[in-house]
Amino acid sequence: MGRKKKDQADKSGSQHESINEPQQTTCTDTQISTNTFTMSSGLIGNVSQLSLDGNLCQIWSDWLQEFNIYLIASGYDSQPEIRKISIFLHFIGKAALKIYNSFNINIKELTLDNLIFKFNEYFIPRKNFTVERHKFFTRYQLPDESINEHTYSRLTNKSKSCEFESLRESLIKDMLICGLNTNEYDILQCYLNTTLLPL
C-alpha cells in the first residue's frame, strides 16, 4: 500500500515538472515565424512610383525590374492575377494610372503579363530592324579607334538591336574583318588565315 502511494507521488511530481518545464523553440521555428510575419506585414519595403520625367523607356525598364523583385520577395507572385494586377496599379502611381485607363481594358479579363505587355508597347518604341541593320553593316573602324573599341564598343552594341539571333556572333566577326582600316593589313591577313576567330 505504501509502495503504491510512493509510485503515485512520483508520477504526480513528474507531471508537475513536465508542466513547469519551458518548451524549447528551435532556430528554424523562429526563422519561419519571422519570415511569415515579415511577408504578411509588408515589412520588406515598397516600390517607388513610376516617374514620367526623362527617358521613359529606361525609367519604365528600371521600375519594372524593381516591381518584379518586390513581387517575388514579398511572396505576392503566387497570388491570384487580380491581386497582382491591383498591387501593380497601386504602386505605379497616379500619372501612370492615367495611361492604364487609356487602354480601356477590363481588369477582370487581364493577366499581369498582358498588362505589362501593354505598358511595354506604350513606353518602348518599336525598332525598325532594317535601319538598325543598316547601321551595323555600314559601321567601319575609325582612324583613331582601336580594334577592341571597334569590335566590343561599337559592333557588339549595335548588333544587340538587330535581332540576328544565332547569326549574331558570326556577323560581328564578318563585319570586324570588313570594317578594318587599311593600315591594319597585317591583322586583317591574320584574321583571314584563321579558321577560328574568337571575339
N, C-alpha and C. Protein backbone atom coordinates (compact mmCIF):
# COMPACT_ATOMS: atom_id res chain seq x y z
N MET A 1 0.84 -1.21 0.00
CA MET A 1 0.00 0.00 0.00
C MET A 1 0.86 1.25 0.00
N GLY A 2 1.91 1.22 0.85
CA GLY A 2 2.82 2.37 0.91
C GLY A 2 3.57 2.55 -0.38
N ARG A 3 3.88 1.41 -1.03
CA ARG A 3 4.61 1.48 -2.31
C ARG A 3 3.77 2.12 -3.40
N LYS A 4 2.46 1.78 -3.43
CA LYS A 4 1.56 2.37 -4.43
C LYS A 4 1.49 3.87 -4.27
N LYS A 5 1.39 4.33 -3.00
CA LYS A 5 1.33 5.77 -2.75
C LYS A 5 2.60 6.45 -3.22
N LYS A 6 3.74 5.77 -3.01
CA LYS A 6 5.02 6.35 -3.42
C LYS A 6 5.07 6.49 -4.95
N ASP A 7 4.61 5.43 -5.66
CA ASP A 7 4.60 5.47 -7.13
C ASP A 7 3.71 6.59 -7.64
N GLN A 8 2.53 6.74 -6.99
CA GLN A 8 1.61 7.81 -7.41
C GLN A 8 2.22 9.18 -7.17
N ALA A 9 2.95 9.32 -6.08
CA ALA A 9 3.59 10.60 -5.77
C ALA A 9 4.67 10.91 -6.79
N ASP A 10 5.43 9.87 -7.19
CA ASP A 10 6.48 10.08 -8.20
C ASP A 10 5.89 10.52 -9.52
N LYS A 11 4.77 9.87 -9.92
CA LYS A 11 4.11 10.24 -11.19
C LYS A 11 3.59 11.66 -11.13
N SER A 12 3.00 12.01 -9.98
CA SER A 12 2.46 13.36 -9.81
C SER A 12 3.56 14.40 -9.91
N GLY A 13 4.71 14.12 -9.28
CA GLY A 13 5.83 15.05 -9.35
C GLY A 13 6.37 15.19 -10.75
N SER A 14 6.41 14.07 -11.47
CA SER A 14 6.89 14.09 -12.85
C SER A 14 6.00 14.94 -13.73
N GLN A 15 4.66 14.85 -13.50
CA GLN A 15 3.71 15.64 -14.28
C GLN A 15 3.89 17.11 -14.02
N HIS A 16 4.14 17.47 -12.73
CA HIS A 16 4.34 18.87 -12.39
C HIS A 16 5.59 19.41 -13.05
N GLU A 17 6.64 18.59 -13.07
CA GLU A 17 7.88 19.03 -13.71
C GLU A 17 7.67 19.26 -15.20
N SER A 18 6.86 18.36 -15.84
CA SER A 18 6.59 18.48 -17.27
C SER A 18 5.81 19.75 -17.57
N ILE A 19 4.88 20.10 -16.66
CA ILE A 19 4.07 21.30 -16.87
C ILE A 19 4.91 22.55 -16.73
N ASN A 20 5.78 22.55 -15.74
CA ASN A 20 6.58 23.75 -15.45
C ASN A 20 7.77 23.92 -16.38
N GLU A 21 8.17 22.85 -17.05
CA GLU A 21 9.36 22.92 -17.91
C GLU A 21 9.05 23.74 -19.15
N PRO A 22 9.81 24.77 -19.47
CA PRO A 22 9.54 25.61 -20.66
C PRO A 22 9.78 24.84 -21.95
N GLN A 23 8.95 25.09 -22.95
CA GLN A 23 9.11 24.43 -24.24
C GLN A 23 10.27 25.06 -25.00
N GLN A 24 11.07 24.20 -25.63
CA GLN A 24 12.21 24.68 -26.40
C GLN A 24 11.77 25.10 -27.79
N THR A 25 12.24 26.24 -28.24
CA THR A 25 11.93 26.74 -29.58
C THR A 25 13.19 26.69 -30.43
N THR A 26 13.13 25.99 -31.53
CA THR A 26 14.31 25.85 -32.38
C THR A 26 14.52 27.11 -33.20
N CYS A 27 15.74 27.26 -33.67
CA CYS A 27 16.09 28.41 -34.51
C CYS A 27 15.27 28.40 -35.79
N THR A 28 15.03 27.17 -36.31
CA THR A 28 14.27 27.05 -37.56
C THR A 28 12.84 27.53 -37.37
N ASP A 29 12.22 27.13 -36.23
CA ASP A 29 10.85 27.57 -35.96
C ASP A 29 10.76 29.08 -35.88
N THR A 30 11.73 29.68 -35.19
CA THR A 30 11.75 31.13 -35.05
C THR A 30 11.92 31.81 -36.39
N GLN A 31 12.80 31.25 -37.22
CA GLN A 31 13.07 31.84 -38.53
C GLN A 31 11.84 31.80 -39.41
N ILE A 32 11.16 30.64 -39.41
CA ILE A 32 9.95 30.51 -40.23
C ILE A 32 8.90 31.51 -39.77
N SER A 33 8.72 31.60 -38.44
CA SER A 33 7.73 32.53 -37.89
C SER A 33 8.05 33.96 -38.27
N THR A 34 9.33 34.33 -38.18
CA THR A 34 9.75 35.69 -38.51
C THR A 34 9.53 35.99 -39.98
N ASN A 35 9.90 35.03 -40.85
CA ASN A 35 9.74 35.24 -42.29
C ASN A 35 8.27 35.40 -42.66
N THR A 36 7.42 34.57 -42.05
CA THR A 36 6.00 34.66 -42.33
C THR A 36 5.45 36.01 -41.91
N PHE A 37 5.88 36.46 -40.73
CA PHE A 37 5.42 37.77 -40.23
C PHE A 37 5.90 38.89 -41.13
N THR A 38 7.15 38.79 -41.58
CA THR A 38 7.71 39.84 -42.42
C THR A 38 6.93 39.99 -43.70
N MET A 39 6.61 38.85 -44.35
CA MET A 39 5.90 38.91 -45.62
C MET A 39 4.46 39.38 -45.42
N SER A 40 3.80 38.82 -44.38
CA SER A 40 2.38 39.15 -44.20
C SER A 40 2.18 40.58 -43.75
N SER A 41 3.17 41.14 -43.06
CA SER A 41 3.01 42.50 -42.56
C SER A 41 3.58 43.55 -43.49
N GLY A 42 4.16 43.12 -44.62
CA GLY A 42 4.65 44.06 -45.61
C GLY A 42 5.85 44.86 -45.17
N LEU A 43 6.75 44.25 -44.39
CA LEU A 43 7.89 44.99 -43.86
C LEU A 43 9.10 44.97 -44.77
N ILE A 44 8.98 44.39 -45.96
CA ILE A 44 10.16 44.30 -46.82
C ILE A 44 10.35 45.54 -47.68
N GLY A 45 9.48 46.50 -47.56
CA GLY A 45 9.64 47.74 -48.32
C GLY A 45 8.58 47.90 -49.39
N ASN A 46 8.64 49.02 -50.08
CA ASN A 46 7.67 49.35 -51.11
C ASN A 46 8.36 49.59 -52.43
N VAL A 47 7.56 49.86 -53.44
CA VAL A 47 8.07 50.20 -54.77
C VAL A 47 7.77 51.67 -55.02
N SER A 48 8.76 52.41 -55.47
CA SER A 48 8.56 53.83 -55.75
C SER A 48 7.61 54.01 -56.93
N GLN A 49 6.91 55.13 -56.97
CA GLN A 49 6.00 55.40 -58.08
C GLN A 49 6.79 55.59 -59.37
N LEU A 50 6.15 55.25 -60.48
CA LEU A 50 6.78 55.40 -61.78
C LEU A 50 6.81 56.87 -62.18
N SER A 51 8.01 57.39 -62.39
CA SER A 51 8.16 58.78 -62.83
C SER A 51 8.03 58.85 -64.35
N LEU A 52 7.39 59.89 -64.83
CA LEU A 52 7.22 60.08 -66.27
C LEU A 52 8.09 61.21 -66.79
N ASP A 53 9.15 61.53 -66.06
CA ASP A 53 10.09 62.57 -66.47
C ASP A 53 11.42 61.93 -66.87
N GLY A 54 11.88 62.24 -68.08
CA GLY A 54 13.17 61.72 -68.53
C GLY A 54 13.02 60.68 -69.62
N ASN A 55 13.98 59.76 -69.69
CA ASN A 55 13.98 58.69 -70.69
C ASN A 55 12.95 57.64 -70.27
N LEU A 56 11.76 57.71 -70.84
CA LEU A 56 10.66 56.86 -70.39
C LEU A 56 10.95 55.38 -70.58
N CYS A 57 11.62 55.05 -71.66
CA CYS A 57 11.95 53.64 -71.92
C CYS A 57 12.82 53.08 -70.80
N GLN A 58 13.86 53.81 -70.43
CA GLN A 58 14.78 53.35 -69.39
C GLN A 58 14.12 53.39 -68.01
N ILE A 59 13.37 54.46 -67.76
CA ILE A 59 12.69 54.60 -66.46
C ILE A 59 11.69 53.45 -66.25
N TRP A 60 10.95 53.13 -67.30
CA TRP A 60 9.98 52.04 -67.21
C TRP A 60 10.68 50.70 -66.98
N SER A 61 11.78 50.43 -67.67
CA SER A 61 12.52 49.17 -67.50
C SER A 61 13.04 49.04 -66.08
N ASP A 62 13.57 50.13 -65.54
CA ASP A 62 14.10 50.11 -64.17
C ASP A 62 12.98 49.89 -63.15
N TRP A 63 11.86 50.57 -63.37
CA TRP A 63 10.73 50.43 -62.43
C TRP A 63 10.18 49.01 -62.47
N LEU A 64 10.05 48.45 -63.66
CA LEU A 64 9.51 47.10 -63.80
C LEU A 64 10.41 46.08 -63.10
N GLN A 65 11.71 46.26 -63.22
CA GLN A 65 12.64 45.37 -62.52
C GLN A 65 12.45 45.47 -61.00
N GLU A 66 12.31 46.68 -60.50
CA GLU A 66 12.10 46.90 -59.06
C GLU A 66 10.79 46.25 -58.61
N PHE A 67 9.75 46.39 -59.42
CA PHE A 67 8.45 45.80 -59.07
C PHE A 67 8.52 44.28 -59.04
N ASN A 68 9.16 43.67 -60.03
CA ASN A 68 9.27 42.21 -60.10
C ASN A 68 10.04 41.66 -58.90
N ILE A 69 11.10 42.36 -58.51
CA ILE A 69 11.87 41.94 -57.33
C ILE A 69 10.98 41.99 -56.08
N TYR A 70 10.22 43.07 -55.94
CA TYR A 70 9.32 43.21 -54.79
C TYR A 70 8.27 42.10 -54.78
N LEU A 71 7.71 41.81 -55.95
CA LEU A 71 6.63 40.83 -56.04
C LEU A 71 7.11 39.46 -55.57
N ILE A 72 8.31 39.08 -55.96
CA ILE A 72 8.87 37.78 -55.57
C ILE A 72 9.26 37.78 -54.10
N ALA A 73 9.94 38.85 -53.67
CA ALA A 73 10.42 38.91 -52.28
C ALA A 73 9.27 38.93 -51.28
N SER A 74 8.16 39.51 -51.65
CA SER A 74 7.00 39.61 -50.75
C SER A 74 6.14 38.35 -50.78
N GLY A 75 6.38 37.49 -51.75
CA GLY A 75 5.56 36.29 -51.88
C GLY A 75 4.27 36.51 -52.64
N TYR A 76 4.06 37.73 -53.13
CA TYR A 76 2.83 38.05 -53.85
C TYR A 76 2.80 37.47 -55.26
N ASP A 77 3.93 36.97 -55.75
CA ASP A 77 3.95 36.42 -57.11
C ASP A 77 3.09 35.17 -57.23
N SER A 78 2.76 34.54 -56.11
CA SER A 78 1.92 33.34 -56.14
C SER A 78 0.44 33.66 -55.91
N GLN A 79 0.12 34.93 -55.80
CA GLN A 79 -1.27 35.35 -55.57
C GLN A 79 -2.08 35.30 -56.88
N PRO A 80 -3.40 35.34 -56.78
CA PRO A 80 -4.23 35.38 -58.00
C PRO A 80 -3.91 36.60 -58.86
N GLU A 81 -4.19 36.49 -60.15
CA GLU A 81 -3.84 37.55 -61.10
C GLU A 81 -4.47 38.89 -60.72
N ILE A 82 -5.71 38.87 -60.28
CA ILE A 82 -6.41 40.11 -59.96
C ILE A 82 -5.70 40.85 -58.83
N ARG A 83 -5.15 40.11 -57.88
CA ARG A 83 -4.44 40.77 -56.77
C ARG A 83 -3.09 41.31 -57.24
N LYS A 84 -2.38 40.54 -58.05
CA LYS A 84 -1.08 41.01 -58.56
C LYS A 84 -1.25 42.28 -59.40
N ILE A 85 -2.31 42.31 -60.19
CA ILE A 85 -2.58 43.49 -61.01
C ILE A 85 -2.92 44.69 -60.12
N SER A 86 -3.69 44.44 -59.08
CA SER A 86 -4.06 45.52 -58.15
C SER A 86 -2.83 46.08 -57.44
N ILE A 87 -1.90 45.21 -57.06
CA ILE A 87 -0.64 45.66 -56.44
C ILE A 87 0.16 46.49 -57.43
N PHE A 88 0.22 46.02 -58.66
CA PHE A 88 0.92 46.73 -59.73
C PHE A 88 0.36 48.14 -59.91
N LEU A 89 -0.95 48.24 -60.00
CA LEU A 89 -1.60 49.54 -60.22
C LEU A 89 -1.51 50.43 -58.99
N HIS A 90 -1.45 49.81 -57.82
CA HIS A 90 -1.31 50.59 -56.58
C HIS A 90 0.05 51.30 -56.54
N PHE A 91 1.09 50.60 -56.93
CA PHE A 91 2.44 51.16 -56.84
C PHE A 91 2.81 52.06 -58.01
N ILE A 92 2.16 51.89 -59.14
CA ILE A 92 2.63 52.58 -60.34
C ILE A 92 2.41 54.09 -60.29
N GLY A 93 1.47 54.55 -59.49
CA GLY A 93 1.29 55.99 -59.32
C GLY A 93 0.17 56.57 -60.18
N LYS A 94 -0.29 57.76 -59.81
CA LYS A 94 -1.45 58.38 -60.46
C LYS A 94 -1.19 58.71 -61.93
N ALA A 95 0.00 59.21 -62.24
CA ALA A 95 0.29 59.61 -63.62
C ALA A 95 0.23 58.40 -64.55
N ALA A 96 0.86 57.31 -64.14
CA ALA A 96 0.85 56.10 -64.97
C ALA A 96 -0.51 55.41 -64.95
N LEU A 97 -1.27 55.64 -63.89
CA LEU A 97 -2.62 55.07 -63.83
C LEU A 97 -3.51 55.65 -64.93
N LYS A 98 -3.26 56.90 -65.28
CA LYS A 98 -4.00 57.51 -66.39
C LYS A 98 -3.68 56.81 -67.70
N ILE A 99 -2.44 56.38 -67.85
CA ILE A 99 -2.06 55.63 -69.05
C ILE A 99 -2.81 54.30 -69.08
N TYR A 100 -2.88 53.64 -67.93
CA TYR A 100 -3.63 52.38 -67.83
C TYR A 100 -5.08 52.59 -68.23
N ASN A 101 -5.69 53.65 -67.74
CA ASN A 101 -7.09 53.92 -68.06
C ASN A 101 -7.30 54.14 -69.55
N SER A 102 -6.27 54.65 -70.23
CA SER A 102 -6.38 54.89 -71.67
C SER A 102 -6.40 53.58 -72.46
N PHE A 103 -5.98 52.48 -71.84
CA PHE A 103 -6.00 51.19 -72.53
C PHE A 103 -7.43 50.68 -72.70
N ASN A 104 -8.33 51.15 -71.82
CA ASN A 104 -9.74 50.78 -71.90
C ASN A 104 -9.93 49.26 -71.90
N ILE A 105 -9.36 48.60 -70.89
CA ILE A 105 -9.45 47.15 -70.79
C ILE A 105 -10.09 46.77 -69.46
N ASN A 106 -10.70 45.59 -69.44
CA ASN A 106 -11.37 45.09 -68.24
C ASN A 106 -10.35 44.39 -67.36
N ILE A 107 -10.18 44.88 -66.15
CA ILE A 107 -9.17 44.34 -65.25
C ILE A 107 -9.42 42.87 -64.92
N LYS A 108 -10.68 42.46 -64.93
CA LYS A 108 -11.01 41.07 -64.59
C LYS A 108 -10.64 40.09 -65.70
N GLU A 109 -10.40 40.60 -66.89
CA GLU A 109 -10.03 39.74 -68.01
C GLU A 109 -8.53 39.76 -68.28
N LEU A 110 -7.78 40.45 -67.42
CA LEU A 110 -6.35 40.64 -67.63
C LEU A 110 -5.51 39.64 -66.85
N THR A 111 -4.29 39.42 -67.33
CA THR A 111 -3.24 38.82 -66.52
C THR A 111 -2.17 39.89 -66.33
N LEU A 112 -1.32 39.70 -65.34
CA LEU A 112 -0.27 40.69 -65.10
C LEU A 112 0.67 40.77 -66.31
N ASP A 113 0.97 39.63 -66.92
CA ASP A 113 1.86 39.63 -68.09
C ASP A 113 1.25 40.43 -69.24
N ASN A 114 -0.04 40.29 -69.44
CA ASN A 114 -0.71 41.05 -70.51
C ASN A 114 -0.68 42.55 -70.23
N LEU A 115 -0.85 42.90 -68.97
CA LEU A 115 -0.82 44.32 -68.59
C LEU A 115 0.58 44.90 -68.80
N ILE A 116 1.60 44.15 -68.41
CA ILE A 116 2.98 44.61 -68.61
C ILE A 116 3.28 44.75 -70.10
N PHE A 117 2.76 43.84 -70.90
CA PHE A 117 2.94 43.92 -72.35
C PHE A 117 2.35 45.21 -72.89
N LYS A 118 1.20 45.61 -72.37
CA LYS A 118 0.55 46.85 -72.80
C LYS A 118 1.44 48.06 -72.48
N PHE A 119 2.00 48.07 -71.28
CA PHE A 119 2.88 49.17 -70.90
C PHE A 119 4.19 49.13 -71.71
N ASN A 120 4.66 47.94 -72.03
CA ASN A 120 5.85 47.83 -72.89
C ASN A 120 5.59 48.48 -74.25
N GLU A 121 4.42 48.21 -74.80
CA GLU A 121 4.07 48.82 -76.09
C GLU A 121 4.02 50.34 -75.99
N TYR A 122 3.60 50.83 -74.85
CA TYR A 122 3.47 52.28 -74.67
C TYR A 122 4.84 52.94 -74.48
N PHE A 123 5.68 52.35 -73.66
CA PHE A 123 6.94 53.00 -73.27
C PHE A 123 8.13 52.66 -74.17
N ILE A 124 8.13 51.48 -74.76
CA ILE A 124 9.29 51.05 -75.54
C ILE A 124 8.99 51.24 -77.03
N PRO A 125 9.69 52.13 -77.69
CA PRO A 125 9.42 52.38 -79.11
C PRO A 125 9.75 51.17 -79.97
N ARG A 126 8.96 50.97 -80.99
CA ARG A 126 9.22 49.87 -81.91
C ARG A 126 10.45 50.17 -82.76
N LYS A 127 11.27 49.16 -82.95
CA LYS A 127 12.51 49.35 -83.70
C LYS A 127 12.30 48.99 -85.16
N ASN A 128 12.93 49.77 -86.02
CA ASN A 128 12.96 49.45 -87.44
C ASN A 128 14.23 48.64 -87.67
N PHE A 129 14.07 47.33 -87.80
CA PHE A 129 15.24 46.46 -87.87
C PHE A 129 16.05 46.68 -89.15
N THR A 130 15.39 47.13 -90.20
CA THR A 130 16.13 47.43 -91.43
C THR A 130 17.11 48.57 -91.20
N VAL A 131 16.64 49.60 -90.51
CA VAL A 131 17.51 50.74 -90.20
C VAL A 131 18.63 50.33 -89.25
N GLU A 132 18.29 49.55 -88.22
CA GLU A 132 19.29 49.10 -87.25
C GLU A 132 20.36 48.25 -87.92
N ARG A 133 19.96 47.39 -88.82
CA ARG A 133 20.93 46.53 -89.51
C ARG A 133 21.78 47.32 -90.50
N HIS A 134 21.18 48.34 -91.09
CA HIS A 134 21.95 49.20 -91.99
C HIS A 134 23.07 49.90 -91.22
N LYS A 135 22.76 50.37 -90.02
CA LYS A 135 23.79 51.00 -89.19
C LYS A 135 24.90 50.01 -88.86
N PHE A 136 24.52 48.77 -88.61
CA PHE A 136 25.52 47.75 -88.28
C PHE A 136 26.42 47.44 -89.47
N PHE A 137 25.82 47.23 -90.64
CA PHE A 137 26.58 46.80 -91.82
C PHE A 137 27.39 47.93 -92.46
N THR A 138 27.13 49.15 -92.08
CA THR A 138 27.91 50.27 -92.62
C THR A 138 28.84 50.85 -91.56
N ARG A 139 29.12 50.07 -90.54
CA ARG A 139 29.97 50.53 -89.45
C ARG A 139 31.42 50.10 -89.72
N TYR A 140 32.31 51.08 -89.89
CA TYR A 140 33.72 50.81 -90.17
C TYR A 140 34.59 51.39 -89.05
N GLN A 141 35.76 50.81 -88.92
CA GLN A 141 36.70 51.27 -87.90
C GLN A 141 37.17 52.69 -88.20
N LEU A 142 37.10 53.55 -87.19
CA LEU A 142 37.54 54.93 -87.34
C LEU A 142 39.06 55.01 -87.25
N PRO A 143 39.66 56.07 -87.83
CA PRO A 143 41.12 56.18 -87.86
C PRO A 143 41.77 56.11 -86.48
N ASP A 144 41.15 56.71 -85.48
CA ASP A 144 41.74 56.75 -84.14
C ASP A 144 41.13 55.71 -83.20
N GLU A 145 40.52 54.70 -83.76
CA GLU A 145 39.79 53.70 -82.97
C GLU A 145 40.56 52.38 -82.96
N SER A 146 40.72 51.80 -81.77
CA SER A 146 41.40 50.51 -81.67
C SER A 146 40.46 49.39 -82.13
N ILE A 147 41.04 48.23 -82.38
CA ILE A 147 40.23 47.09 -82.82
C ILE A 147 39.24 46.69 -81.71
N ASN A 148 39.70 46.74 -80.48
CA ASN A 148 38.81 46.38 -79.37
C ASN A 148 37.62 47.34 -79.27
N GLU A 149 37.89 48.62 -79.43
CA GLU A 149 36.80 49.61 -79.39
C GLU A 149 35.84 49.38 -80.56
N HIS A 150 36.41 49.11 -81.72
CA HIS A 150 35.59 48.88 -82.92
C HIS A 150 34.71 47.65 -82.74
N THR A 151 35.29 46.60 -82.17
CA THR A 151 34.55 45.34 -82.04
C THR A 151 33.57 45.36 -80.88
N TYR A 152 34.09 45.60 -79.69
CA TYR A 152 33.27 45.45 -78.49
C TYR A 152 32.36 46.64 -78.21
N SER A 153 32.90 47.83 -78.37
CA SER A 153 32.12 49.02 -78.02
C SER A 153 31.14 49.41 -79.11
N ARG A 154 31.44 49.09 -80.34
CA ARG A 154 30.61 49.55 -81.45
C ARG A 154 29.81 48.39 -82.08
N LEU A 155 30.50 47.45 -82.70
CA LEU A 155 29.80 46.38 -83.41
C LEU A 155 28.94 45.53 -82.47
N THR A 156 29.51 45.16 -81.34
CA THR A 156 28.75 44.31 -80.41
C THR A 156 27.50 45.03 -79.92
N ASN A 157 27.63 46.28 -79.56
CA ASN A 157 26.47 47.04 -79.07
C ASN A 157 25.43 47.26 -80.17
N LYS A 158 25.89 47.57 -81.37
CA LYS A 158 24.95 47.81 -82.47
C LYS A 158 24.20 46.53 -82.86
N SER A 159 24.86 45.40 -82.70
CA SER A 159 24.22 44.13 -83.08
C SER A 159 23.06 43.77 -82.16
N LYS A 160 23.05 44.31 -80.95
CA LYS A 160 22.01 43.95 -79.98
C LYS A 160 20.62 44.37 -80.42
N SER A 161 20.54 45.41 -81.21
CA SER A 161 19.23 45.92 -81.65
C SER A 161 18.83 45.39 -83.02
N CYS A 162 19.60 44.44 -83.56
CA CYS A 162 19.35 43.94 -84.92
C CYS A 162 18.61 42.60 -84.95
N GLU A 163 18.54 41.92 -83.81
CA GLU A 163 17.89 40.60 -83.72
C GLU A 163 18.45 39.61 -84.74
N PHE A 164 19.77 39.48 -84.72
CA PHE A 164 20.42 38.49 -85.59
C PHE A 164 20.29 37.08 -85.04
N GLU A 165 19.97 36.98 -83.77
CA GLU A 165 19.80 35.70 -83.07
C GLU A 165 21.05 34.83 -83.20
N SER A 166 20.93 33.62 -83.74
CA SER A 166 22.07 32.69 -83.78
C SER A 166 23.19 33.15 -84.72
N LEU A 167 22.89 34.10 -85.62
CA LEU A 167 23.91 34.59 -86.57
C LEU A 167 24.71 35.76 -85.99
N ARG A 168 24.33 36.23 -84.84
CA ARG A 168 24.92 37.46 -84.29
C ARG A 168 26.44 37.38 -84.18
N GLU A 169 26.96 36.35 -83.58
CA GLU A 169 28.41 36.26 -83.34
C GLU A 169 29.19 36.19 -84.65
N SER A 170 28.69 35.39 -85.60
CA SER A 170 29.41 35.26 -86.87
C SER A 170 29.35 36.55 -87.68
N LEU A 171 28.25 37.29 -87.60
CA LEU A 171 28.14 38.55 -88.33
C LEU A 171 29.04 39.63 -87.72
N ILE A 172 29.21 39.60 -86.41
CA ILE A 172 30.15 40.53 -85.78
C ILE A 172 31.56 40.26 -86.29
N LYS A 173 31.92 39.00 -86.39
CA LYS A 173 33.25 38.64 -86.90
C LYS A 173 33.42 39.09 -88.35
N ASP A 174 32.38 38.87 -89.16
CA ASP A 174 32.45 39.28 -90.57
C ASP A 174 32.63 40.79 -90.69
N MET A 175 31.85 41.54 -89.92
CA MET A 175 31.93 43.00 -90.01
C MET A 175 33.21 43.54 -89.39
N LEU A 176 33.77 42.81 -88.44
CA LEU A 176 35.07 43.20 -87.90
C LEU A 176 36.12 43.17 -89.00
N ILE A 177 36.12 42.11 -89.80
CA ILE A 177 37.09 41.98 -90.89
C ILE A 177 36.80 42.99 -91.99
N CYS A 178 35.53 43.10 -92.39
CA CYS A 178 35.17 44.00 -93.49
C CYS A 178 35.40 45.47 -93.13
N GLY A 179 35.29 45.80 -91.86
CA GLY A 179 35.37 47.20 -91.46
C GLY A 179 36.72 47.67 -90.98
N LEU A 180 37.75 46.80 -91.04
CA LEU A 180 39.08 47.19 -90.57
C LEU A 180 39.71 48.24 -91.47
N ASN A 181 40.49 49.14 -90.87
CA ASN A 181 41.24 50.14 -91.64
C ASN A 181 42.30 49.46 -92.49
N THR A 182 42.68 50.12 -93.57
CA THR A 182 43.72 49.55 -94.45
C THR A 182 45.07 49.47 -93.74
N ASN A 183 45.31 50.33 -92.76
CA ASN A 183 46.58 50.26 -92.04
C ASN A 183 46.64 49.10 -91.05
N GLU A 184 45.55 48.35 -90.95
CA GLU A 184 45.53 47.14 -90.12
C GLU A 184 45.71 45.91 -91.02
N TYR A 185 46.49 46.06 -92.09
CA TYR A 185 46.60 45.00 -93.11
C TYR A 185 47.13 43.70 -92.49
N ASP A 186 48.15 43.79 -91.66
CA ASP A 186 48.74 42.59 -91.07
C ASP A 186 47.73 41.84 -90.21
N ILE A 187 46.98 42.61 -89.43
CA ILE A 187 45.97 41.98 -88.58
C ILE A 187 44.86 41.38 -89.44
N LEU A 188 44.51 42.09 -90.52
CA LEU A 188 43.49 41.58 -91.43
C LEU A 188 43.90 40.24 -92.03
N GLN A 189 45.15 40.13 -92.48
CA GLN A 189 45.64 38.88 -93.05
C GLN A 189 45.63 37.76 -92.01
N CYS A 190 45.97 38.13 -90.79
CA CYS A 190 45.96 37.13 -89.71
C CYS A 190 44.55 36.60 -89.49
N TYR A 191 43.58 37.52 -89.48
CA TYR A 191 42.19 37.10 -89.30
C TYR A 191 41.70 36.23 -90.45
N LEU A 192 42.07 36.61 -91.67
CA LEU A 192 41.61 35.86 -92.84
C LEU A 192 42.20 34.46 -92.89
N ASN A 193 43.37 34.28 -92.31
CA ASN A 193 44.03 32.97 -92.32
C ASN A 193 43.68 32.14 -91.09
N THR A 194 42.81 32.68 -90.24
CA THR A 194 42.43 31.97 -89.01
C THR A 194 41.04 31.38 -89.18
N THR A 195 40.95 30.08 -88.98
CA THR A 195 39.64 29.42 -89.13
C THR A 195 38.73 29.71 -87.94
N LEU A 196 39.33 29.83 -86.76
CA LEU A 196 38.56 30.14 -85.56
C LEU A 196 38.92 31.53 -85.08
N LEU A 197 38.01 32.46 -85.24
CA LEU A 197 38.26 33.84 -84.86
C LEU A 197 37.46 34.16 -83.60
N PRO A 198 38.14 34.20 -82.43
CA PRO A 198 37.41 34.50 -81.19
C PRO A 198 37.06 35.97 -81.09
N LEU A 199 35.95 36.25 -80.46
CA LEU A 199 35.56 37.64 -80.21
C LEU A 199 36.21 38.14 -78.94
